[in-house]
Amino acid sequence: MSRPLLAVCGLTKRYRRGGKTIAAVDDVSFDIEPGETLALAGPSGSGKSTIARLLLRLIESDAGRIEFEGGDFLSLSGAALRARRARLQMVFQDPLAAFNPRATVARVLDDPLRIHGIATRSE
């Protein structure tokens, strides 16, 4: 039996506002095997973007575990977190806000390869 590429268990995020606690994400668990794709669908405010931000560690969870490529993703920090995070990607809900309409295809492909040290501009 192979290990999942991404294993999420009990992921929880709560926000406190005006004396109230709002459960944005409440005990979410799932596995993604290599080669699989997961799509999150739901109404506005159901926690889709919060889950994506939690997975990338753009915000920190209140509870739960995230294992990526067999390692504890929540224990990483600094350079190790940045290196591992480079292997994940968020696809934003609003494509017009996510992409620069003036950018060429070459630039869109070149920038992340160069930024993450995968290839030089000439390559």
PDB file of N, CA and C in Angstrom:
ATOM      1  N   MET A   1       0.851  -1.185   0.000  1.00  0.00           N
ATOM      2  CA  MET A   1       0.000   0.000   0.000  1.00  0.00           C
ATOM      3  C   MET A   1       0.889   1.237   0.000  1.00  0.00           C
ATOM      4  N   SER A   2       0.662   2.131  -0.955  1.00  0.00           N
ATOM      5  CA  SER A   2       1.469   3.345  -1.039  1.00  0.00           C
ATOM      6  C   SER A   2       0.943   4.409  -0.077  1.00  0.00           C
ATOM      7  N   ARG A   3       1.805   5.335   0.240  1.00  0.00           N
ATOM      8  CA  ARG A   3       1.436   6.467   1.093  1.00  0.00           C
ATOM      9  C   ARG A   3       0.738   7.524   0.251  1.00  0.00           C
ATOM     10  N   PRO A   4      -0.244   8.232   0.819  1.00  0.00           N
ATOM     11  CA  PRO A   4      -0.850   9.332   0.066  1.00  0.00           C
ATOM     12  C   PRO A   4       0.181  10.440  -0.167  1.00  0.00           C
ATOM     13  N   LEU A   5       0.032  11.160  -1.245  1.00  0.00           N
ATOM     14  CA  LEU A   5       0.875  12.320  -1.508  1.00  0.00           C
ATOM     15  C   LEU A   5       0.583  13.412  -0.478  1.00  0.00           C
ATOM     16  N   LEU A   6      -0.709  13.592  -0.195  1.00  0.00           N
ATOM     17  CA  LEU A   6      -1.152  14.580   0.782  1.00  0.00           C
ATOM     18  C   LEU A   6      -2.189  13.912   1.681  1.00  0.00           C
ATOM     19  N   ALA A   7      -1.954  13.957   2.982  1.00  0.00           N
ATOM     20  CA  ALA A   7      -2.896  13.399   3.960  1.00  0.00           C
ATOM     21  C   ALA A   7      -3.269  14.500   4.946  1.00  0.00           C
ATOM     22  N   VAL A   8      -4.551  14.784   5.032  1.00  0.00           N
ATOM     23  CA  VAL A   8      -5.066  15.821   5.920  1.00  0.00           C
ATOM     24  C   VAL A   8      -6.001  15.145   6.911  1.00  0.00           C
ATOM     25  N   CYS A   9      -5.804  15.410   8.183  1.00  0.00           N
ATOM     26  CA  CYS A   9      -6.612  14.751   9.211  1.00  0.00           C
ATOM     27  C   CYS A   9      -7.037  15.769  10.277  1.00  0.00           C
ATOM     28  N   GLY A  10      -8.344  15.955  10.431  1.00  0.00           N
ATOM     29  CA  GLY A  10      -8.872  16.795  11.512  1.00  0.00           C
ATOM     30  C   GLY A  10      -8.563  18.272  11.391  1.00  0.00           C
ATOM     31  N   LEU A  11      -8.376  18.763  10.174  1.00  0.00           N
ATOM     32  CA  LEU A  11      -7.999  20.173   9.981  1.00  0.00           C
ATOM     33  C   LEU A  11      -9.121  21.090  10.458  1.00  0.00           C
ATOM     34  N   THR A  12      -8.764  22.038  11.302  1.00  0.00           N
ATOM     35  CA  THR A  12      -9.742  22.937  11.913  1.00  0.00           C
ATOM     36  C   THR A  12      -9.186  24.359  11.955  1.00  0.00           C
ATOM     37  N   LYS A  13     -10.058  25.313  11.626  1.00  0.00           N
ATOM     38  CA  LYS A  13      -9.693  26.733  11.738  1.00  0.00           C
ATOM     39  C   LYS A  13     -10.920  27.496  12.206  1.00  0.00           C
ATOM     40  N   ARG A  14     -10.751  28.215  13.302  1.00  0.00           N
ATOM     41  CA  ARG A  14     -11.823  29.045  13.852  1.00  0.00           C
ATOM     42  C   ARG A  14     -11.365  30.494  13.903  1.00  0.00           C
ATOM     43  N   TYR A  15     -12.308  31.383  13.652  1.00  0.00           N
ATOM     44  CA  TYR A  15     -12.047  32.814  13.772  1.00  0.00           C
ATOM     45  C   TYR A  15     -12.925  33.364  14.882  1.00  0.00           C
ATOM     46  N   ARG A  16     -12.399  34.331  15.610  1.00  0.00           N
ATOM     47  CA  ARG A  16     -13.165  34.986  16.664  1.00  0.00           C
ATOM     48  C   ARG A  16     -13.431  36.421  16.234  1.00  0.00           C
ATOM     49  N   ARG A  17     -14.718  36.769  16.254  1.00  0.00           N
ATOM     50  CA  ARG A  17     -15.086  38.119  15.844  1.00  0.00           C
ATOM     51  C   ARG A  17     -16.260  38.594  16.697  1.00  0.00           C
ATOM     52  N   GLY A  18     -16.085  39.719  17.341  1.00  0.00           N
ATOM     53  CA  GLY A  18     -17.158  40.296  18.140  1.00  0.00           C
ATOM     54  C   GLY A  18     -17.690  39.375  19.220  1.00  0.00           C
ATOM     55  N   GLY A  19     -16.816  38.635  19.870  1.00  0.00           N
ATOM     56  CA  GLY A  19     -17.234  37.730  20.932  1.00  0.00           C
ATOM     57  C   GLY A  19     -17.793  36.407  20.442  1.00  0.00           C
ATOM     58  N   LYS A  20     -17.883  36.232  19.114  1.00  0.00           N
ATOM     59  CA  LYS A  20     -18.381  34.979  18.539  1.00  0.00           C
ATOM     60  C   LYS A  20     -17.228  34.173  17.959  1.00  0.00           C
ATOM     61  N   THR A  21     -17.383  32.856  17.974  1.00  0.00           N
ATOM     62  CA  THR A  21     -16.418  31.966  17.331  1.00  0.00           C
ATOM     63  C   THR A  21     -17.078  31.377  16.090  1.00  0.00           C
ATOM     64  N   ILE A  22     -16.399  31.516  14.964  1.00  0.00           N
ATOM     65  CA  ILE A  22     -16.903  31.009  13.691  1.00  0.00           C
ATOM     66  C   ILE A  22     -15.989  29.874  13.240  1.00  0.00           C
ATOM     67  N   ALA A  23     -16.567  28.701  13.015  1.00  0.00           N
ATOM     68  CA  ALA A  23     -15.802  27.550  12.535  1.00  0.00           C
ATOM     69  C   ALA A  23     -15.742  27.627  11.012  1.00  0.00           C
ATOM     70  N   ALA A  24     -14.640  28.165  10.485  1.00  0.00           N
ATOM     71  CA  ALA A  24     -14.473  28.281   9.035  1.00  0.00           C
ATOM     72  C   ALA A  24     -14.200  26.912   8.417  1.00  0.00           C
ATOM     73  N   VAL A  25     -13.409  26.096   9.111  1.00  0.00           N
ATOM     74  CA  VAL A  25     -13.092  24.717   8.702  1.00  0.00           C
ATOM     75  C   VAL A  25     -13.184  23.880   9.971  1.00  0.00           C
ATOM     76  N   ASP A  26     -13.962  22.804   9.923  1.00  0.00           N
ATOM     77  CA  ASP A  26     -14.235  22.029  11.130  1.00  0.00           C
ATOM     78  C   ASP A  26     -13.995  20.544  10.894  1.00  0.00           C
ATOM     79  N   ASP A  27     -12.839  20.045  11.338  1.00  0.00           N
ATOM     80  CA  ASP A  27     -12.516  18.620  11.333  1.00  0.00           C
ATOM     81  C   ASP A  27     -12.531  18.012   9.921  1.00  0.00           C
ATOM     82  N   VAL A  28     -11.824  18.642   8.991  1.00  0.00           N
ATOM     83  CA  VAL A  28     -11.759  18.177   7.602  1.00  0.00           C
ATOM     84  C   VAL A  28     -10.620  17.172   7.446  1.00  0.00           C
ATOM     85  N   SER A  29     -10.925  16.050   6.790  1.00  0.00           N
ATOM     86  CA  SER A  29      -9.927  15.008   6.542  1.00  0.00           C
ATOM     87  C   SER A  29     -10.067  14.496   5.115  1.00  0.00           C
ATOM     88  N   PHE A  30      -8.944  14.264   4.455  1.00  0.00           N
ATOM     89  CA  PHE A  30      -8.941  13.642   3.136  1.00  0.00           C
ATOM     90  C   PHE A  30      -7.519  13.229   2.790  1.00  0.00           C
ATOM     91  N   ASP A  31      -7.400  12.305   1.843  1.00  0.00           N
ATOM     92  CA  ASP A  31      -6.109  11.881   1.302  1.00  0.00           C
ATOM     93  C   ASP A  31      -6.130  12.104  -0.201  1.00  0.00           C
ATOM     94  N   ILE A  32      -4.984  12.467  -0.751  1.00  0.00           N
ATOM     95  CA  ILE A  32      -4.818  12.558  -2.200  1.00  0.00           C
ATOM     96  C   ILE A  32      -3.637  11.664  -2.565  1.00  0.00           C
ATOM     97  N   GLU A  33      -3.907  10.701  -3.415  1.00  0.00           N
ATOM     98  CA  GLU A  33      -2.875   9.776  -3.881  1.00  0.00           C
ATOM     99  C   GLU A  33      -2.122  10.408  -5.050  1.00  0.00           C
ATOM    100  N   PRO A  34      -0.889   9.977  -5.319  1.00  0.00           N
ATOM    101  CA  PRO A  34      -0.165  10.487  -6.490  1.00  0.00           C
ATOM    102  C   PRO A  34      -1.004  10.285  -7.759  1.00  0.00           C
ATOM    103  N   GLY A  35      -1.089  11.331  -8.574  1.00  0.00           N
ATOM    104  CA  GLY A  35      -1.850  11.278  -9.820  1.00  0.00           C
ATOM    105  C   GLY A  35      -3.310  11.657  -9.668  1.00  0.00           C
ATOM    106  N   GLU A  36      -3.801  11.780  -8.441  1.00  0.00           N
ATOM    107  CA  GLU A  36      -5.193  12.166  -8.220  1.00  0.00           C
ATOM    108  C   GLU A  36      -5.334  13.681  -8.202  1.00  0.00           C
ATOM    109  N   THR A  37      -6.542  14.135  -8.446  1.00  0.00           N
ATOM    110  CA  THR A  37      -6.892  15.544  -8.372  1.00  0.00           C
ATOM    111  C   THR A  37      -8.059  15.685  -7.416  1.00  0.00           C
ATOM    112  N   LEU A  38      -8.044  16.724  -6.599  1.00  0.00           N
ATOM    113  CA  LEU A  38      -9.146  16.997  -5.688  1.00  0.00           C
ATOM    114  C   LEU A  38      -9.679  18.383  -6.005  1.00  0.00           C
ATOM    115  N   ALA A  39     -10.988  18.488  -6.158  1.00  0.00           N
ATOM    116  CA  ALA A  39     -11.642  19.781  -6.336  1.00  0.00           C
ATOM    117  C   ALA A  39     -12.560  20.011  -5.145  1.00  0.00           C
ATOM    118  N   LEU A  40     -12.512  21.196  -4.592  1.00  0.00           N
ATOM    119  CA  LEU A  40     -13.414  21.569  -3.508  1.00  0.00           C
ATOM    120  C   LEU A  40     -14.496  22.456  -4.105  1.00  0.00           C
ATOM    121  N   ALA A  41     -15.733  22.088  -3.902  1.00  0.00           N
ATOM    122  CA  ALA A  41     -16.856  22.861  -4.419  1.00  0.00           C
ATOM    123  C   ALA A  41     -17.804  23.162  -3.283  1.00  0.00           C
ATOM    124  N   GLY A  42     -18.394  24.327  -3.326  1.00  0.00           N
ATOM    125  CA  GLY A  42     -19.359  24.698  -2.308  1.00  0.00           C
ATOM    126  C   GLY A  42     -19.688  26.162  -2.421  1.00  0.00           C
ATOM    127  N   PRO A  43     -20.696  26.590  -1.696  1.00  0.00           N
ATOM    128  CA  PRO A  43     -21.104  27.989  -1.764  1.00  0.00           C
ATOM    129  C   PRO A  43     -20.057  28.925  -1.159  1.00  0.00           C
ATOM    130  N   SER A  44     -20.181  30.175  -1.473  1.00  0.00           N
ATOM    131  CA  SER A  44     -19.309  31.201  -0.905  1.00  0.00           C
ATOM    132  C   SER A  44     -19.384  31.137   0.616  1.00  0.00           C
ATOM    133  N   GLY A  45     -18.216  31.178   1.251  1.00  0.00           N
ATOM    134  CA  GLY A  45     -18.175  31.143   2.708  1.00  0.00           C
ATOM    135  C   GLY A  45     -18.143  29.760   3.312  1.00  0.00           C
ATOM    136  N   SER A  46     -18.031  28.723   2.477  1.00  0.00           N
ATOM    137  CA  SER A  46     -18.058  27.362   3.015  1.00  0.00           C
ATOM    138  C   SER A  46     -16.691  26.848   3.448  1.00  0.00           C
ATOM    139  N   GLY A  47     -15.612  27.612   3.220  1.00  0.00           N
ATOM    140  CA  GLY A  47     -14.293  27.232   3.721  1.00  0.00           C
ATOM    141  C   GLY A  47     -13.300  26.757   2.672  1.00  0.00           C
ATOM    142  N   LYS A  48     -13.652  26.812   1.386  1.00  0.00           N
ATOM    143  CA  LYS A  48     -12.755  26.323   0.328  1.00  0.00           C
ATOM    144  C   LYS A  48     -11.421  27.070   0.328  1.00  0.00           C
ATOM    145  N   SER A  49     -11.462  28.378   0.309  1.00  0.00           N
ATOM    146  CA  SER A  49     -10.221  29.163   0.287  1.00  0.00           C
ATOM    147  C   SER A  49      -9.454  29.030   1.594  1.00  0.00           C
ATOM    148  N   THR A  50     -10.155  28.909   2.702  1.00  0.00           N
ATOM    149  CA  THR A  50      -9.490  28.725   3.994  1.00  0.00           C
ATOM    150  C   THR A  50      -8.732  27.408   4.001  1.00  0.00           C
ATOM    151  N   ILE A  51      -9.324  26.339   3.465  1.00  0.00           N
ATOM    152  CA  ILE A  51      -8.627  25.051   3.388  1.00  0.00           C
ATOM    153  C   ILE A  51      -7.366  25.198   2.546  1.00  0.00           C
ATOM    154  N   ALA A  52      -7.455  25.861   1.407  1.00  0.00           N
ATOM    155  CA  ALA A  52      -6.276  26.051   0.548  1.00  0.00           C
ATOM    156  C   ALA A  52      -5.192  26.838   1.278  1.00  0.00           C
ATOM    157  N   ARG A  53      -5.578  27.896   1.963  1.00  0.00           N
ATOM    158  CA  ARG A  53      -4.597  28.697   2.716  1.00  0.00           C
ATOM    159  C   ARG A  53      -3.958  27.888   3.846  1.00  0.00           C
ATOM    160  N   LEU A  54      -4.751  27.036   4.505  1.00  0.00           N
ATOM    161  CA  LEU A  54      -4.217  26.173   5.558  1.00  0.00           C
ATOM    162  C   LEU A  54      -3.223  25.173   4.983  1.00  0.00           C
ATOM    163  N   LEU A  55      -3.552  24.598   3.824  1.00  0.00           N
ATOM    164  CA  LEU A  55      -2.670  23.605   3.208  1.00  0.00           C
ATOM    165  C   LEU A  55      -1.331  24.213   2.815  1.00  0.00           C
ATOM    166  N   LEU A  56      -1.337  25.460   2.382  1.00  0.00           N
ATOM    167  CA  LEU A  56      -0.092  26.133   1.993  1.00  0.00           C
ATOM    168  C   LEU A  56       0.602  26.805   3.176  1.00  0.00           C
ATOM    169  N   ARG A  57      -0.031  26.765   4.339  1.00  0.00           N
ATOM    170  CA  ARG A  57       0.468  27.402   5.557  1.00  0.00           C
ATOM    171  C   ARG A  57       0.561  28.905   5.412  1.00  0.00           C
ATOM    172  N   LEU A  58      -0.352  29.477   4.631  1.00  0.00           N
ATOM    173  CA  LEU A  58      -0.458  30.933   4.561  1.00  0.00           C
ATOM    174  C   LEU A  58      -1.149  31.443   5.812  1.00  0.00           C
ATOM    175  N   ILE A  59      -1.963  30.579   6.416  1.00  0.00           N
ATOM    176  CA  ILE A  59      -2.524  30.789   7.750  1.00  0.00           C
ATOM    177  C   ILE A  59      -2.326  29.491   8.516  1.00  0.00           C
ATOM    178  N   GLU A  60      -2.284  29.575   9.824  1.00  0.00           N
ATOM    179  CA  GLU A  60      -2.038  28.391  10.650  1.00  0.00           C
ATOM    180  C   GLU A  60      -3.352  27.805  11.155  1.00  0.00           C
ATOM    181  N   SER A  61      -3.386  26.486  11.231  1.00  0.00           N
ATOM    182  CA  SER A  61      -4.585  25.788  11.701  1.00  0.00           C
ATOM    183  C   SER A  61      -4.659  25.834  13.224  1.00  0.00           C
ATOM    184  N   ASP A  62      -5.868  25.633  13.734  1.00  0.00           N
ATOM    185  CA  ASP A  62      -6.070  25.516  15.175  1.00  0.00           C
ATOM    186  C   ASP A  62      -5.882  24.078  15.631  1.00  0.00           C
ATOM    187  N   ALA A  63      -6.129  23.129  14.722  1.00  0.00           N
ATOM    188  CA  ALA A  63      -5.975  21.708  15.039  1.00  0.00           C
ATOM    189  C   ALA A  63      -5.837  20.931  13.742  1.00  0.00           C
ATOM    190  N   GLY A  64      -5.329  19.715  13.866  1.00  0.00           N
ATOM    191  CA  GLY A  64      -5.235  18.822  12.722  1.00  0.00           C
ATOM    192  C   GLY A  64      -3.813  18.524  12.317  1.00  0.00           C
ATOM    193  N   ARG A  65      -3.697  17.631  11.317  1.00  0.00           N
ATOM    194  CA  ARG A  65      -2.400  17.202  10.790  1.00  0.00           C
ATOM    195  C   ARG A  65      -2.401  17.351   9.279  1.00  0.00           C
ATOM    196  N   ILE A  66      -1.254  17.748   8.736  1.00  0.00           N
ATOM    197  CA  ILE A  66      -1.051  17.777   7.293  1.00  0.00           C
ATOM    198  C   ILE A  66       0.267  17.070   7.024  1.00  0.00           C
ATOM    199  N   GLU A  67       0.196  15.982   6.259  1.00  0.00           N
ATOM    200  CA  GLU A  67       1.411  15.283   5.838  1.00  0.00           C
ATOM    201  C   GLU A  67       1.519  15.421   4.332  1.00  0.00           C
ATOM    202  N   PHE A  68       2.677  15.874   3.872  1.00  0.00           N
ATOM    203  CA  PHE A  68       2.922  16.051   2.443  1.00  0.00           C
ATOM    204  C   PHE A  68       4.178  15.287   2.075  1.00  0.00           C
ATOM    205  N   GLU A  69       4.065  14.445   1.071  1.00  0.00           N
ATOM    206  CA  GLU A  69       5.177  13.598   0.617  1.00  0.00           C
ATOM    207  C   GLU A  69       5.793  12.817   1.775  1.00  0.00           C
ATOM    208  N   GLY A  70       4.933  12.322   2.669  1.00  0.00           N
ATOM    209  CA  GLY A  70       5.373  11.470   3.763  1.00  0.00           C
ATOM    210  C   GLY A  70       5.926  12.181   4.977  1.00  0.00           C
ATOM    211  N   GLY A  71       5.978  13.522   4.956  1.00  0.00           N
ATOM    212  CA  GLY A  71       6.525  14.260   6.097  1.00  0.00           C
ATOM    213  C   GLY A  71       5.496  15.166   6.745  1.00  0.00           C
ATOM    214  N   ASP A  72       5.754  15.527   7.983  1.00  0.00           N
ATOM    215  CA  ASP A  72       4.874  16.410   8.750  1.00  0.00           C
ATOM    216  C   ASP A  72       5.048  17.840   8.250  1.00  0.00           C
ATOM    217  N   PHE A  73       4.091  18.310   7.468  1.00  0.00           N
ATOM    218  CA  PHE A  73       4.171  19.642   6.861  1.00  0.00           C
ATOM    219  C   PHE A  73       4.050  20.752   7.902  1.00  0.00           C
ATOM    220  N   LEU A  74       3.326  20.488   8.987  1.00  0.00           N
ATOM    221  CA  LEU A  74       3.126  21.519  10.003  1.00  0.00           C
ATOM    222  C   LEU A  74       4.368  21.753  10.869  1.00  0.00           C
ATOM    223  N   SER A  75       5.316  20.837  10.847  1.00  0.00           N
ATOM    224  CA  SER A  75       6.521  21.006  11.668  1.00  0.00           C
ATOM    225  C   SER A  75       7.604  21.814  10.943  1.00  0.00           C
ATOM    226  N   LEU A  76       7.412  22.084   9.654  1.00  0.00           N
ATOM    227  CA  LEU A  76       8.430  22.796   8.879  1.00  0.00           C
ATOM    228  C   LEU A  76       8.397  24.288   9.156  1.00  0.00           C
ATOM    229  N   SER A  77       9.557  24.929   9.029  1.00  0.00           N
ATOM    230  CA  SER A  77       9.630  26.386   9.143  1.00  0.00           C
ATOM    231  C   SER A  77      10.789  26.883   8.287  1.00  0.00           C
ATOM    232  N   GLY A  78      10.834  28.172   8.090  1.00  0.00           N
ATOM    233  CA  GLY A  78      11.940  28.800   7.372  1.00  0.00           C
ATOM    234  C   GLY A  78      12.177  28.252   5.984  1.00  0.00           C
ATOM    235  N   ALA A  79      13.448  28.002   5.662  1.00  0.00           N
ATOM    236  CA  ALA A  79      13.848  27.541   4.330  1.00  0.00           C
ATOM    237  C   ALA A  79      13.233  26.187   3.989  1.00  0.00           C
ATOM    238  N   ALA A  80      13.100  25.309   4.972  1.00  0.00           N
ATOM    239  CA  ALA A  80      12.509  23.988   4.715  1.00  0.00           C
ATOM    240  C   ALA A  80      11.040  24.125   4.313  1.00  0.00           C
ATOM    241  N   LEU A  81      10.315  25.019   4.963  1.00  0.00           N
ATOM    242  CA  LEU A  81       8.914  25.256   4.607  1.00  0.00           C
ATOM    243  C   LEU A  81       8.821  25.862   3.213  1.00  0.00           C
ATOM    244  N   ARG A  82       9.649  26.852   2.920  1.00  0.00           N
ATOM    245  CA  ARG A  82       9.607  27.488   1.592  1.00  0.00           C
ATOM    246  C   ARG A  82       9.927  26.486   0.490  1.00  0.00           C
ATOM    247  N   ALA A  83      10.900  25.621   0.719  1.00  0.00           N
ATOM    248  CA  ALA A  83      11.274  24.627  -0.293  1.00  0.00           C
ATOM    249  C   ALA A  83      10.136  23.632  -0.525  1.00  0.00           C
ATOM    250  N   ARG A  84       9.501  23.184   0.533  1.00  0.00           N
ATOM    251  CA  ARG A  84       8.410  22.209   0.387  1.00  0.00           C
ATOM    252  C   ARG A  84       7.165  22.884  -0.184  1.00  0.00           C
ATOM    253  N   ARG A  85       6.907  24.121   0.236  1.00  0.00           N
ATOM    254  CA  ARG A  85       5.734  24.861  -0.248  1.00  0.00           C
ATOM    255  C   ARG A  85       5.811  25.090  -1.756  1.00  0.00           C
ATOM    256  N   ALA A  86       7.009  25.167  -2.295  1.00  0.00           N
ATOM    257  CA  ALA A  86       7.183  25.377  -3.735  1.00  0.00           C
ATOM    258  C   ALA A  86       6.616  24.214  -4.542  1.00  0.00           C
ATOM    259  N   ARG A  87       6.366  23.080  -3.895  1.00  0.00           N
ATOM    260  CA  ARG A  87       5.827  21.906  -4.591  1.00  0.00           C
ATOM    261  C   ARG A  87       4.297  21.849  -4.533  1.00  0.00           C
ATOM    262  N   LEU A  88       3.682  22.876  -3.954  1.00  0.00           N
ATOM    263  CA  LEU A  88       2.228  22.976  -3.854  1.00  0.00           C
ATOM    264  C   LEU A  88       1.754  24.200  -4.627  1.00  0.00           C
ATOM    265  N   GLN A  89       0.494  24.190  -5.016  1.00  0.00           N
ATOM    266  CA  GLN A  89      -0.032  25.332  -5.766  1.00  0.00           C
ATOM    267  C   GLN A  89      -1.499  25.536  -5.440  1.00  0.00           C
ATOM    268  N   MET A  90      -1.879  26.780  -5.285  1.00  0.00           N
ATOM    269  CA  MET A  90      -3.274  27.146  -5.085  1.00  0.00           C
ATOM    270  C   MET A  90      -3.810  27.666  -6.416  1.00  0.00           C
ATOM    271  N   VAL A  91      -4.987  27.224  -6.815  1.00  0.00           N
ATOM    272  CA  VAL A  91      -5.661  27.752  -7.999  1.00  0.00           C
ATOM    273  C   VAL A  91      -6.793  28.622  -7.488  1.00  0.00           C
ATOM    274  N   PHE A  92      -6.699  29.908  -7.735  1.00  0.00           N
ATOM    275  CA  PHE A  92      -7.664  30.856  -7.198  1.00  0.00           C
ATOM    276  C   PHE A  92      -9.012  30.740  -7.887  1.00  0.00           C
ATOM    277  N   GLN A  93     -10.065  31.080  -7.170  1.00  0.00           N
ATOM    278  CA  GLN A  93     -11.418  31.010  -7.704  1.00  0.00           C
ATOM    279  C   GLN A  93     -11.647  32.009  -8.824  1.00  0.00           C
ATOM    280  N   ASP A  94     -11.041  33.155  -8.747  1.00  0.00           N
ATOM    281  CA  ASP A  94     -11.264  34.214  -9.724  1.00  0.00           C
ATOM    282  C   ASP A  94     -10.073  34.296 -10.662  1.00  0.00           C
ATOM    283  N   PRO A  95     -10.163  33.698 -11.863  1.00  0.00           N
ATOM    284  CA  PRO A  95      -9.007  33.679 -12.766  1.00  0.00           C
ATOM    285  C   PRO A  95      -8.567  35.063 -13.205  1.00  0.00           C
ATOM    286  N   LEU A  96      -9.481  36.031 -13.228  1.00  0.00           N
ATOM    287  CA  LEU A  96      -9.101  37.385 -13.636  1.00  0.00           C
ATOM    288  C   LEU A  96      -8.209  38.051 -12.595  1.00  0.00           C
ATOM    289  N   ALA A  97      -8.385  37.683 -11.322  1.00  0.00           N
ATOM    290  CA  ALA A  97      -7.546  38.244 -10.262  1.00  0.00           C
ATOM    291  C   ALA A  97      -6.235  37.476 -10.131  1.00  0.00           C
ATOM    292  N   ALA A  98      -6.203  36.220 -10.586  1.00  0.00           N
ATOM    293  CA  ALA A  98      -5.041  35.369 -10.399  1.00  0.00           C
ATOM    294  C   ALA A  98      -3.979  35.553 -11.479  1.00  0.00           C
ATOM    295  N   PHE A  99      -4.390  35.984 -12.654  1.00  0.00           N
ATOM    296  CA  PHE A  99      -3.455  36.068 -13.768  1.00  0.00           C
ATOM    297  C   PHE A  99      -3.367  37.484 -14.306  1.00  0.00           C
ATOM    298  N   ASN A 100      -2.154  37.885 -14.654  1.00  0.00           N
ATOM    299  CA  ASN A 100      -1.922  39.191 -15.253  1.00  0.00           C
ATOM    300  C   ASN A 100      -2.258  39.081 -16.745  1.00  0.00           C
ATOM    301  N   PRO A 101      -3.278  39.793 -17.223  1.00  0.00           N
ATOM    302  CA  PRO A 101      -3.667  39.667 -18.629  1.00  0.00           C
ATOM    303  C   PRO A 101      -2.604  40.182 -19.607  1.00  0.00           C
ATOM    304  N   ARG A 102      -1.636  40.945 -19.121  1.00  0.00           N
ATOM    305  CA  ARG A 102      -0.576  41.466 -19.986  1.00  0.00           C
ATOM    306  C   ARG A 102       0.641  40.544 -20.049  1.00  0.00           C
ATOM    307  N   ALA A 103       0.676  39.541 -19.185  1.00  0.00           N
ATOM    308  CA  ALA A 103       1.824  38.629 -19.153  1.00  0.00           C
ATOM    309  C   ALA A 103       1.759  37.663 -20.335  1.00  0.00           C
ATOM    310  N   THR A 104       2.904  37.408 -20.920  1.00  0.00           N
ATOM    311  CA  THR A 104       2.973  36.434 -22.009  1.00  0.00           C
ATOM    312  C   THR A 104       3.011  35.024 -21.427  1.00  0.00           C
ATOM    313  N   VAL A 105       2.690  34.041 -22.241  1.00  0.00           N
ATOM    314  CA  VAL A 105       2.760  32.643 -21.806  1.00  0.00           C
ATOM    315  C   VAL A 105       4.185  32.313 -21.382  1.00  0.00           C
ATOM    316  N   ALA A 106       5.168  32.814 -22.132  1.00  0.00           N
ATOM    317  CA  ALA A 106       6.570  32.558 -21.805  1.00  0.00           C
ATOM    318  C   ALA A 106       6.909  33.082 -20.410  1.00  0.00           C
ATOM    319  N   ARG A 107       6.440  34.270 -20.081  1.00  0.00           N
ATOM    320  CA  ARG A 107       6.740  34.842 -18.764  1.00  0.00           C
ATOM    321  C   ARG A 107       6.044  34.057 -17.650  1.00  0.00           C
ATOM    322  N   VAL A 108       4.779  33.671 -17.881  1.00  0.00           N
ATOM    323  CA  VAL A 108       4.027  32.914 -16.881  1.00  0.00           C
ATOM    324  C   VAL A 108       4.730  31.591 -16.583  1.00  0.00           C
ATOM    325  N   LEU A 109       5.300  30.956 -17.600  1.00  0.00           N
ATOM    326  CA  LEU A 109       6.022  29.697 -17.404  1.00  0.00           C
ATOM    327  C   LEU A 109       7.426  29.920 -16.850  1.00  0.00           C
ATOM    328  N   ASP A 110       8.065  31.004 -17.263  1.00  0.00           N
ATOM    329  CA  ASP A 110       9.452  31.282 -16.870  1.00  0.00           C
ATOM    330  C   ASP A 110       9.592  31.706 -15.407  1.00  0.00           C
ATOM    331  N   ASP A 111       8.734  32.584 -14.943  1.00  0.00           N
ATOM    332  CA  ASP A 111       8.887  33.166 -13.602  1.00  0.00           C
ATOM    333  C   ASP A 111       8.999  32.130 -12.486  1.00  0.00           C
ATOM    334  N   PRO A 112       8.059  31.188 -12.346  1.00  0.00           N
ATOM    335  CA  PRO A 112       8.190  30.236 -11.228  1.00  0.00           C
ATOM    336  C   PRO A 112       9.406  29.327 -11.352  1.00  0.00           C
ATOM    337  N   LEU A 113       9.789  28.963 -12.582  1.00  0.00           N
ATOM    338  CA  LEU A 113      10.977  28.123 -12.758  1.00  0.00           C
ATOM    339  C   LEU A 113      12.233  28.860 -12.298  1.00  0.00           C
ATOM    340  N   ARG A 114      12.307  30.134 -12.627  1.00  0.00           N
ATOM    341  CA  ARG A 114      13.457  30.950 -12.241  1.00  0.00           C
ATOM    342  C   ARG A 114      13.438  31.270 -10.743  1.00  0.00           C
ATOM    343  N   ILE A 115      12.283  31.669 -10.224  1.00  0.00           N
ATOM    344  CA  ILE A 115      12.155  32.042  -8.808  1.00  0.00           C
ATOM    345  C   ILE A 115      12.534  30.891  -7.891  1.00  0.00           C
ATOM    346  N   HIS A 116      12.140  29.677  -8.248  1.00  0.00           N
ATOM    347  CA  HIS A 116      12.418  28.507  -7.409  1.00  0.00           C
ATOM    348  C   HIS A 116      13.708  27.794  -7.778  1.00  0.00           C
ATOM    349  N   GLY A 117      14.510  28.402  -8.656  1.00  0.00           N
ATOM    350  CA  GLY A 117      15.816  27.848  -8.986  1.00  0.00           C
ATOM    351  C   GLY A 117      15.774  26.534  -9.755  1.00  0.00           C
ATOM    352  N   ILE A 118      14.679  26.302 -10.474  1.00  0.00           N
ATOM    353  CA  ILE A 118      14.542  25.063 -11.239  1.00  0.00           C
ATOM    354  C   ILE A 118      15.236  25.182 -12.589  1.00  0.00           C
ATOM    355  N   ALA A 119      15.194  26.380 -13.165  1.00  0.00           N
ATOM    356  CA  ALA A 119      15.835  26.598 -14.467  1.00  0.00           C
ATOM    357  C   ALA A 119      16.203  28.076 -14.594  1.00  0.00           C
ATOM    358  N   THR A 120      17.185  28.347 -15.429  1.00  0.00           N
ATOM    359  CA  THR A 120      17.579  29.740 -15.697  1.00  0.00           C
ATOM    360  C   THR A 120      16.735  30.264 -16.847  1.00  0.00           C
ATOM    361  N   ARG A 121      16.774  31.563 -17.059  1.00  0.00           N
ATOM    362  CA  ARG A 121      16.010  32.184 -18.143  1.00  0.00           C
ATOM    363  C   ARG A 121      16.389  31.577 -19.485  1.00  0.00           C
ATOM    364  N   SER A 122      17.675  31.349 -19.723  1.00  0.00           N
ATOM    365  CA  SER A 122      18.104  30.796 -21.014  1.00  0.00           C
ATOM    366  C   SER A 122      17.649  29.341 -21.198  1.00  0.00           C
ATOM    367  N   GLU A 123      17.575  28.609 -20.111  1.00  0.00           N
ATOM    368  CA  GLU A 123      17.100  27.213 -20.205  1.00  0.00           C
ATOM    369  C   GLU A 123      15.632  27.187 -20.554  1.00  0.00           C
TER     370      GLU A 123
END
